[in-house]
Amino acid sequence: MAATQRTYLDYNATAPLLPEAAEALTHALQLPGNPSSVHAEGRAARALVETARDRVAALAGARAGGVTFTSGGSEAANLVMSPGFRRLSDGARPERLLVCATEHVCVLEGHRFPEDAVERIPVDRDGVVDLAWLERRLAELAPRRVLVSVHLANNETGVIQPLARIAERVRAHGGLVHSDAVQAAGRIPVDMAALGVDALTLSGHKLGAPKGVGALVLASEGYELAPLVRGGGQERGRRGGTENVAGIAAFGAAAEAVLRDLVAEGERLSGLRGAFEAAIGRLSPGSVVLGAGAPRLPNTVLFATPGLRAETALIAFDLAGVALSSGSACSSGKVRRSHVLDAMGVAPALAEGALRLSMGRGTTAQAVETFAAAYEKALAALHKGQANAA
């Protein structure tokens, strides 16, 4: 019996390996050199790393010298979110950390500040930062140096933050700005200079590179960091240890590929997002698309159906050959209520049924039909159960 055709709609958890990345990965794995060695083999490995550095910098609208390769987005966030992060031009170190309430847990829990020095920035019902609250709190904390961390796009809702406006306010008070751009990079344009941030963090596997490689991107080389990994001085002393040459080369190839197709792919995915949302509204008019009142990534839909529990729905979709998520995939496979939706003030009964579908290069119009058929069956089972319970 032939295997059931699967429909993968969980790109925000991880994107399938791009052909360009697979080719770069395979090539790099065959090279023996250490990129810190001076012989020909070492120089060949170094060339792969530096080419990738240029490509990742281009994806972020940054300078290659500001790119530090890490094991992923979580390590990159942990590296920069520290009282040891400062601009060399003024020397002042941050005393307080303000983080958006809907951040990924690697930001909420991955900092190196004392707990009593950390505050969460509230958001509105669409998940957008409360700018008035932020402005007021920055003024109250002055003249103390503050580090503010706000993601460019949320991993669950796809909501895009007004990051340039946020950064403008923070910098007016002399603060530093970090942004988790893991979900945004490769899906919308990212330009560090235009955003006005000091640091961005990226993850390779979200855009078609292998798992296990990411980057911290600084606006310039004029910053000091307190390294997490100390060793032989690799990555300009910011991150010790021999570089993951194969992973980095693949990351660079994926960055180049997604940047090349960014505009056309964004328009295509936006159209598919509209088709998915139309199908949801047609089959279940009472369903809610969360964050729909704010700008969102073109590839992401987070929706909730009253009465339909996420864990039940995920099993039904999986059995029908459709891979979805209940939100973030960083909870050891557990389905639990989202802190993102709690921060947005979504009613617990609705939040517990939230499902996320996220698309990418391999998503086609056929996926909408497959999803709709599976969703219709899940709704039929829900209505049958409600009728039996009545």
Protein backbone atom coordinates (compact mmCIF):
# COMPACT_ATOMS: atom_id res chain seq x y z
CA MET A 1 0.00 0.00 0.00
CA ALA A 2 1.36 3.42 -0.95
CA ALA A 3 2.26 5.83 1.81
CA THR A 4 -0.19 8.63 2.46
CA GLN A 5 0.84 11.95 0.94
CA ARG A 6 1.68 14.34 3.77
CA THR A 7 0.86 18.06 3.83
CA TYR A 8 3.42 19.95 5.89
CA LEU A 9 2.11 23.21 7.38
CA ASP A 10 4.56 23.77 10.24
CA TYR A 11 7.32 25.90 8.67
CA ASN A 12 7.50 28.17 11.73
CA ALA A 13 8.65 25.16 13.75
CA THR A 14 11.20 24.18 11.13
CA ALA A 15 11.42 24.53 7.37
CA PRO A 16 12.40 21.58 5.16
CA LEU A 17 16.00 21.67 3.97
CA LEU A 18 16.31 23.73 0.79
CA PRO A 19 18.09 22.10 -2.18
CA GLU A 20 20.63 24.92 -2.20
CA ALA A 21 21.38 24.33 1.47
CA ALA A 22 21.62 20.55 1.00
CA GLU A 23 24.13 21.00 -1.82
CA ALA A 24 26.26 23.39 0.25
CA LEU A 25 26.06 21.07 3.25
CA THR A 26 27.16 18.00 1.29
CA HIS A 27 30.06 19.87 -0.30
CA ALA A 28 31.30 21.26 3.01
CA LEU A 29 31.11 17.89 4.77
CA GLN A 30 33.64 16.53 2.30
CA LEU A 31 36.27 19.18 3.14
CA PRO A 32 38.80 18.16 5.83
CA GLY A 33 40.15 21.56 6.85
CA ASN A 34 39.71 23.44 10.12
CA PRO A 35 38.85 27.07 9.31
CA SER A 36 41.47 28.25 11.83
CA SER A 37 44.29 26.39 10.05
CA VAL A 38 46.62 28.28 7.69
CA HIS A 39 47.17 25.50 5.13
CA ALA A 40 45.19 25.21 1.89
CA GLU A 41 42.55 22.93 3.38
CA GLY A 42 42.01 25.31 6.29
CA ARG A 43 41.78 28.30 3.96
CA ALA A 44 39.15 26.49 1.87
CA ALA A 45 37.03 25.90 4.99
CA ARG A 46 37.54 29.52 6.05
CA ALA A 47 36.37 30.70 2.64
CA LEU A 48 33.09 28.80 3.08
CA VAL A 49 32.51 30.40 6.48
CA GLU A 50 33.24 33.92 5.25
CA THR A 51 31.08 33.52 2.14
CA ALA A 52 28.23 32.41 4.39
CA ARG A 53 28.90 35.37 6.69
CA ASP A 54 28.47 37.74 3.75
CA ARG A 55 25.21 36.04 2.73
CA VAL A 56 23.69 36.04 6.21
CA ALA A 57 24.68 39.69 6.63
CA ALA A 58 22.91 40.53 3.37
CA LEU A 59 19.76 38.79 4.58
CA ALA A 60 19.75 41.02 7.68
CA GLY A 61 20.78 44.20 5.89
CA ALA A 62 23.95 44.25 7.98
CA ARG A 63 27.75 44.20 7.71
CA ALA A 64 29.56 40.90 7.58
CA GLY A 65 31.81 41.92 10.48
CA GLY A 66 28.78 42.04 12.75
CA VAL A 67 27.79 38.39 12.18
CA THR A 68 28.68 35.82 14.84
CA PHE A 69 27.72 32.22 14.10
CA THR A 70 26.15 30.20 16.93
CA SER A 71 24.38 26.89 17.44
CA GLY A 72 20.99 28.52 16.84
CA GLY A 73 18.68 31.39 17.70
CA SER A 74 18.44 30.46 21.38
CA GLU A 75 22.19 30.60 21.92
CA ALA A 76 22.39 33.86 19.98
CA ALA A 77 19.72 35.43 22.21
CA ASN A 78 21.44 34.15 25.36
CA LEU A 79 24.72 35.60 24.12
CA VAL A 80 23.48 39.16 23.62
CA MET A 81 20.91 39.49 26.42
CA SER A 82 23.43 40.22 29.14
CA PRO A 83 24.55 43.12 31.32
CA GLY A 84 27.88 42.62 29.54
CA PHE A 85 26.48 43.88 26.22
CA ARG A 86 27.48 47.46 25.55
CA ARG A 87 28.48 49.99 22.90
CA LEU A 88 32.19 50.71 22.93
CA SER A 89 31.48 54.35 22.07
CA ASP A 90 29.95 55.18 25.46
CA GLY A 91 30.91 52.30 27.73
CA ALA A 92 27.69 52.20 29.73
CA ARG A 93 26.30 48.74 30.49
CA PRO A 94 22.55 48.02 30.73
CA GLU A 95 21.12 47.80 34.23
CA ARG A 96 17.57 46.81 33.29
CA LEU A 97 15.98 44.50 30.72
CA LEU A 98 12.55 45.11 29.18
CA VAL A 99 11.16 42.24 27.10
CA CYS A 100 7.97 42.01 25.09
CA ALA A 101 5.43 39.79 26.87
CA THR A 102 4.92 37.66 23.74
CA GLU A 103 8.59 36.80 23.15
CA HIS A 104 9.83 33.31 22.45
CA VAL A 105 10.88 31.53 25.64
CA CYS A 106 14.57 31.73 24.61
CA VAL A 107 14.25 35.49 25.19
CA LEU A 108 11.93 35.40 28.19
CA GLU A 109 14.13 32.88 30.00
CA GLY A 110 17.46 33.11 28.19
CA HIS A 111 18.80 36.38 29.58
CA ARG A 112 21.58 36.88 32.14
CA PHE A 113 19.98 39.68 34.17
CA PRO A 114 18.86 39.35 37.80
CA GLU A 115 15.15 38.58 37.92
CA ASP A 116 14.37 41.80 39.76
CA ALA A 117 15.95 43.77 36.89
CA VAL A 118 13.57 42.35 34.26
CA GLU A 119 10.12 43.60 33.24
CA ARG A 120 7.68 42.50 30.55
CA ILE A 121 6.28 45.03 28.08
CA PRO A 122 2.51 44.59 27.70
CA VAL A 123 0.80 44.13 24.34
CA ASP A 124 -2.67 44.90 23.00
CA ARG A 125 -5.28 42.32 21.97
CA ASP A 126 -3.53 41.80 18.63
CA GLY A 127 -0.18 41.25 20.30
CA VAL A 128 1.36 44.60 19.37
CA VAL A 129 3.64 46.32 21.90
CA ASP A 130 2.04 49.06 24.01
CA LEU A 131 4.18 51.98 22.85
CA ALA A 132 2.72 54.39 25.41
CA TRP A 133 3.65 52.03 28.26
CA LEU A 134 7.17 51.61 26.85
CA GLU A 135 7.70 55.36 26.46
CA ARG A 136 6.51 55.99 30.01
CA ARG A 137 8.66 53.24 31.52
CA LEU A 138 11.79 54.34 29.68
CA ALA A 139 11.32 57.85 31.07
CA GLU A 140 10.83 56.46 34.59
CA LEU A 141 14.00 54.38 34.39
CA ALA A 142 16.20 57.19 33.05
CA PRO A 143 19.11 57.80 33.35
CA ARG A 144 19.77 54.09 33.85
CA ARG A 145 20.82 52.23 30.70
CA VAL A 146 18.11 49.82 29.48
CA LEU A 147 18.25 46.88 27.08
CA VAL A 148 14.95 46.31 25.28
CA SER A 149 14.16 43.08 23.45
CA VAL A 150 11.21 42.95 21.04
CA HIS A 151 10.84 40.32 18.35
CA LEU A 152 10.31 41.48 14.79
CA ALA A 153 7.58 38.88 14.19
CA ASN A 154 5.87 36.51 16.58
CA ASN A 155 6.35 32.78 16.05
CA GLU A 156 2.74 31.88 16.96
CA THR A 157 0.59 34.67 15.54
CA GLY A 158 2.92 36.01 12.85
CA VAL A 159 2.22 39.55 14.15
CA ILE A 160 4.88 42.04 13.05
CA GLN A 161 5.97 44.62 15.61
CA PRO A 162 6.54 48.33 14.78
CA LEU A 163 10.21 47.76 15.54
CA ALA A 164 11.61 50.94 13.96
CA ARG A 165 9.27 53.06 16.11
CA ILE A 166 10.18 51.05 19.20
CA ALA A 167 13.91 51.38 18.52
CA GLU A 168 13.58 55.13 17.95
CA ARG A 169 12.06 55.57 21.41
CA VAL A 170 14.60 53.33 23.12
CA ARG A 171 17.60 54.99 21.51
CA ALA A 172 16.23 58.45 22.38
CA HIS A 173 16.65 57.36 26.01
CA GLY A 174 20.14 56.00 25.34
CA GLY A 175 19.06 52.36 25.45
CA LEU A 176 20.07 49.28 23.49
CA VAL A 177 17.70 47.26 21.29
CA HIS A 178 17.79 43.55 20.52
CA SER A 179 15.29 41.84 18.25
CA ASP A 180 14.61 38.17 17.72
CA ALA A 181 14.22 38.09 13.92
CA VAL A 182 14.13 34.30 13.68
CA GLN A 183 10.64 34.11 12.17
CA ALA A 184 10.90 37.30 10.11
CA ALA A 185 14.14 36.68 8.23
CA GLY A 186 13.48 35.21 4.82
CA ARG A 187 9.76 36.02 5.01
CA ILE A 188 9.75 39.81 5.08
CA PRO A 189 12.54 42.31 4.33
CA VAL A 190 14.94 42.81 7.25
CA ASP A 191 17.19 45.87 7.27
CA MET A 192 19.11 46.56 10.48
CA ALA A 193 19.91 50.14 9.56
CA ALA A 194 16.28 50.98 8.77
CA LEU A 195 15.06 49.25 11.94
CA GLY A 196 17.62 51.04 14.10
CA VAL A 197 18.38 48.03 16.30
CA ASP A 198 21.71 47.15 17.88
CA ALA A 199 21.40 43.38 17.53
CA LEU A 200 19.34 40.75 15.69
CA THR A 201 19.24 37.01 16.24
CA LEU A 202 18.63 34.45 13.49
CA SER A 203 18.14 30.68 13.17
CA GLY A 204 19.07 28.67 10.11
CA HIS A 205 16.45 25.92 10.28
CA LYS A 206 13.56 28.39 10.12
CA LEU A 207 14.52 29.33 6.57
CA GLY A 208 15.67 26.03 5.08
CA ALA A 209 19.14 25.44 6.54
CA PRO A 210 19.93 22.50 8.86
CA LYS A 211 19.05 22.57 12.54
CA GLY A 212 21.88 23.57 14.84
CA VAL A 213 23.16 26.80 13.29
CA GLY A 214 22.19 30.42 13.90
CA ALA A 215 23.67 33.87 14.20
CA LEU A 216 23.89 36.97 16.30
CA VAL A 217 24.07 40.03 14.04
CA LEU A 218 25.37 43.31 15.47
CA ALA A 219 24.80 46.67 13.79
CA SER A 220 28.56 47.24 13.72
CA GLU A 221 31.74 45.92 15.25
CA GLY A 222 31.59 48.63 17.91
CA TYR A 223 30.07 46.46 20.65
CA GLU A 224 31.39 44.35 23.49
CA LEU A 225 29.84 41.05 24.56
CA ALA A 226 30.34 38.69 27.47
CA PRO A 227 30.88 35.33 25.66
CA LEU A 228 28.97 32.23 26.68
CA VAL A 229 31.50 29.89 25.09
CA ARG A 230 35.17 30.67 25.64
CA GLY A 231 37.91 28.95 23.70
CA GLY A 232 40.38 29.66 20.95
CA GLY A 233 39.16 33.11 20.01
CA GLN A 234 36.98 32.05 17.10
CA GLU A 235 34.27 34.39 15.78
CA ARG A 236 36.31 37.46 16.81
CA GLY A 237 36.33 36.21 20.38
CA ARG A 238 32.55 36.37 20.66
CA ARG A 239 31.96 32.60 20.48
CA GLY A 240 34.73 30.07 21.05
CA GLY A 241 34.95 26.63 19.49
CA THR A 242 35.64 25.36 15.99
CA GLU A 243 32.96 26.65 13.64
CA ASN A 244 30.27 24.31 12.30
CA VAL A 245 31.54 24.76 8.75
CA ALA A 246 28.97 22.55 7.02
CA GLY A 247 26.03 24.03 8.90
CA ILE A 248 27.28 27.56 8.36
CA ALA A 249 27.83 27.01 4.62
CA ALA A 250 24.29 25.63 4.31
CA PHE A 251 22.93 28.58 6.34
CA GLY A 252 24.60 30.96 3.92
CA ALA A 253 23.20 29.14 0.90
CA ALA A 254 19.70 29.18 2.38
CA ALA A 255 20.00 32.88 3.22
CA GLU A 256 20.99 33.68 -0.35
CA ALA A 257 18.12 31.59 -1.76
CA VAL A 258 15.36 33.07 0.38
CA LEU A 259 16.62 36.62 -0.15
CA ARG A 260 16.57 36.11 -3.92
CA ASP A 261 12.94 34.93 -3.86
CA LEU A 262 11.74 37.15 -0.99
CA VAL A 263 9.30 39.45 -2.79
CA ALA A 264 7.72 36.91 -5.12
CA GLU A 265 7.44 34.26 -2.41
CA GLY A 266 5.94 36.76 0.02
CA GLU A 267 3.21 37.67 -2.47
CA ARG A 268 2.49 34.01 -3.21
CA LEU A 269 2.27 33.02 0.45
CA SER A 270 0.08 36.01 1.26
CA GLY A 271 -2.39 34.76 -1.33
CA LEU A 272 -2.34 31.28 0.17
CA ARG A 273 -2.83 32.71 3.64
CA GLY A 274 -5.98 34.42 2.39
CA ALA A 275 -7.20 31.13 0.90
CA PHE A 276 -6.63 29.25 4.18
CA GLU A 277 -8.45 31.92 6.16
CA ALA A 278 -11.35 31.90 3.69
CA ALA A 279 -11.65 28.12 4.09
CA ILE A 280 -11.65 28.43 7.87
CA GLY A 281 -14.33 31.12 7.77
CA ARG A 282 -16.48 29.14 5.34
CA LEU A 283 -16.34 25.90 7.31
CA SER A 284 -16.59 27.47 10.77
CA PRO A 285 -17.89 31.06 10.79
CA GLY A 286 -17.42 31.19 14.57
CA SER A 287 -13.69 30.58 14.35
CA VAL A 288 -11.29 33.42 15.16
CA VAL A 289 -8.03 34.31 13.42
CA LEU A 290 -5.83 35.62 16.23
CA GLY A 291 -3.78 38.75 15.59
CA ALA A 292 -5.73 39.51 12.42
CA GLY A 293 -6.01 43.19 13.32
CA ALA A 294 -2.24 43.75 12.99
CA PRO A 295 0.31 43.35 10.18
CA ARG A 296 1.37 39.70 10.00
CA LEU A 297 3.86 37.47 8.25
CA PRO A 298 2.50 36.30 4.89
CA ASN A 299 2.95 32.64 5.81
CA THR A 300 1.26 32.36 9.23
CA VAL A 301 -2.32 31.77 10.42
CA LEU A 302 -3.18 31.19 14.08
CA PHE A 303 -6.85 30.34 14.51
CA ALA A 304 -9.15 28.97 17.18
CA THR A 305 -12.48 27.16 16.87
CA PRO A 306 -14.79 27.37 19.90
CA GLY A 307 -15.17 23.93 21.47
CA LEU A 308 -12.35 22.32 19.46
CA ARG A 309 -9.39 21.44 21.70
CA ALA A 310 -5.92 21.72 20.22
CA GLU A 311 -4.64 18.29 21.26
CA THR A 312 -7.70 16.56 19.78
CA ALA A 313 -7.51 18.56 16.57
CA LEU A 314 -3.77 17.99 16.11
CA ILE A 315 -4.28 14.22 16.27
CA ALA A 316 -7.15 14.41 13.77
CA PHE A 317 -5.13 16.52 11.35
CA ASP A 318 -2.09 14.27 11.71
CA LEU A 319 -4.14 11.16 10.97
CA ALA A 320 -5.44 12.96 7.88
CA GLY A 321 -1.86 13.60 6.76
CA VAL A 322 -1.68 17.29 7.75
CA ALA A 323 1.07 18.58 10.04
CA LEU A 324 0.04 21.62 12.08
CA SER A 325 1.10 23.04 15.43
CA SER A 326 -0.63 24.33 18.52
CA GLY A 327 1.79 27.25 18.57
CA SER A 328 5.44 27.12 19.54
CA ALA A 329 7.24 23.82 18.97
CA CYS A 330 9.65 24.33 21.86
CA SER A 331 7.68 22.64 24.62
CA SER A 332 8.93 19.04 24.38
CA GLY A 333 5.89 18.05 22.35
CA LYS A 334 3.46 19.19 25.03
CA VAL A 335 0.26 21.02 24.16
CA ARG A 336 -0.32 23.77 26.67
CA ARG A 337 -1.94 27.15 26.73
CA SER A 338 0.13 29.81 25.06
CA HIS A 339 1.74 32.62 27.08
CA VAL A 340 1.44 34.67 23.89
CA LEU A 341 -2.34 34.40 23.89
CA ASP A 342 -2.48 34.98 27.63
CA ALA A 343 -0.58 38.24 27.12
CA MET A 344 -3.05 39.21 24.37
CA GLY A 345 -5.97 38.65 26.73
CA VAL A 346 -7.47 35.76 24.73
CA ALA A 347 -10.05 33.86 26.78
CA PRO A 348 -8.57 30.60 28.14
CA ALA A 349 -11.31 28.43 26.59
CA LEU A 350 -10.52 29.84 23.15
CA ALA A 351 -6.73 29.90 23.62
CA GLU A 352 -6.66 26.19 24.48
CA GLY A 353 -7.96 25.41 21.01
CA ALA A 354 -5.55 27.60 19.06
CA LEU A 355 -3.93 25.97 16.02
CA ARG A 356 -1.14 27.40 13.88
CA LEU A 357 -0.53 26.67 10.24
CA SER A 358 2.60 28.08 8.64
CA MET A 359 3.69 27.83 5.04
CA GLY A 360 6.83 27.94 2.94
CA ARG A 361 8.34 27.25 -0.44
CA GLY A 362 6.80 23.77 -0.72
CA THR A 363 3.24 24.86 0.10
CA THR A 364 0.84 24.81 -2.87
CA ALA A 365 -2.84 25.54 -3.48
CA GLN A 366 -3.52 21.81 -3.07
CA ALA A 367 -2.57 22.17 0.60
CA VAL A 368 -5.58 24.43 1.13
CA GLU A 369 -7.93 21.74 -0.17
CA THR A 370 -6.29 19.01 1.90
CA PHE A 371 -6.41 21.16 5.02
CA ALA A 372 -10.06 22.08 4.41
CA ALA A 373 -11.08 18.43 4.05
CA ALA A 374 -9.33 17.49 7.29
CA TYR A 375 -10.77 20.50 9.10
CA GLU A 376 -14.29 19.62 7.94
CA LYS A 377 -13.90 16.11 9.38
CA ALA A 378 -12.63 17.50 12.69
CA LEU A 379 -15.60 19.85 12.87
CA ALA A 380 -18.01 17.01 12.09
CA ALA A 381 -16.54 14.96 14.94
CA LEU A 382 -16.83 17.99 17.26
CA HIS A 383 -20.48 18.55 16.37
CA LYS A 384 -21.28 14.86 16.75
CA GLY A 385 -19.73 14.81 20.20
CA GLN A 386 -21.66 17.90 21.21
CA ALA A 387 -24.91 16.35 19.98
CA ASN A 388 -24.26 13.13 21.91
CA ALA A 389 -23.53 15.08 25.05
CA ALA A 390 -26.73 17.10 24.78
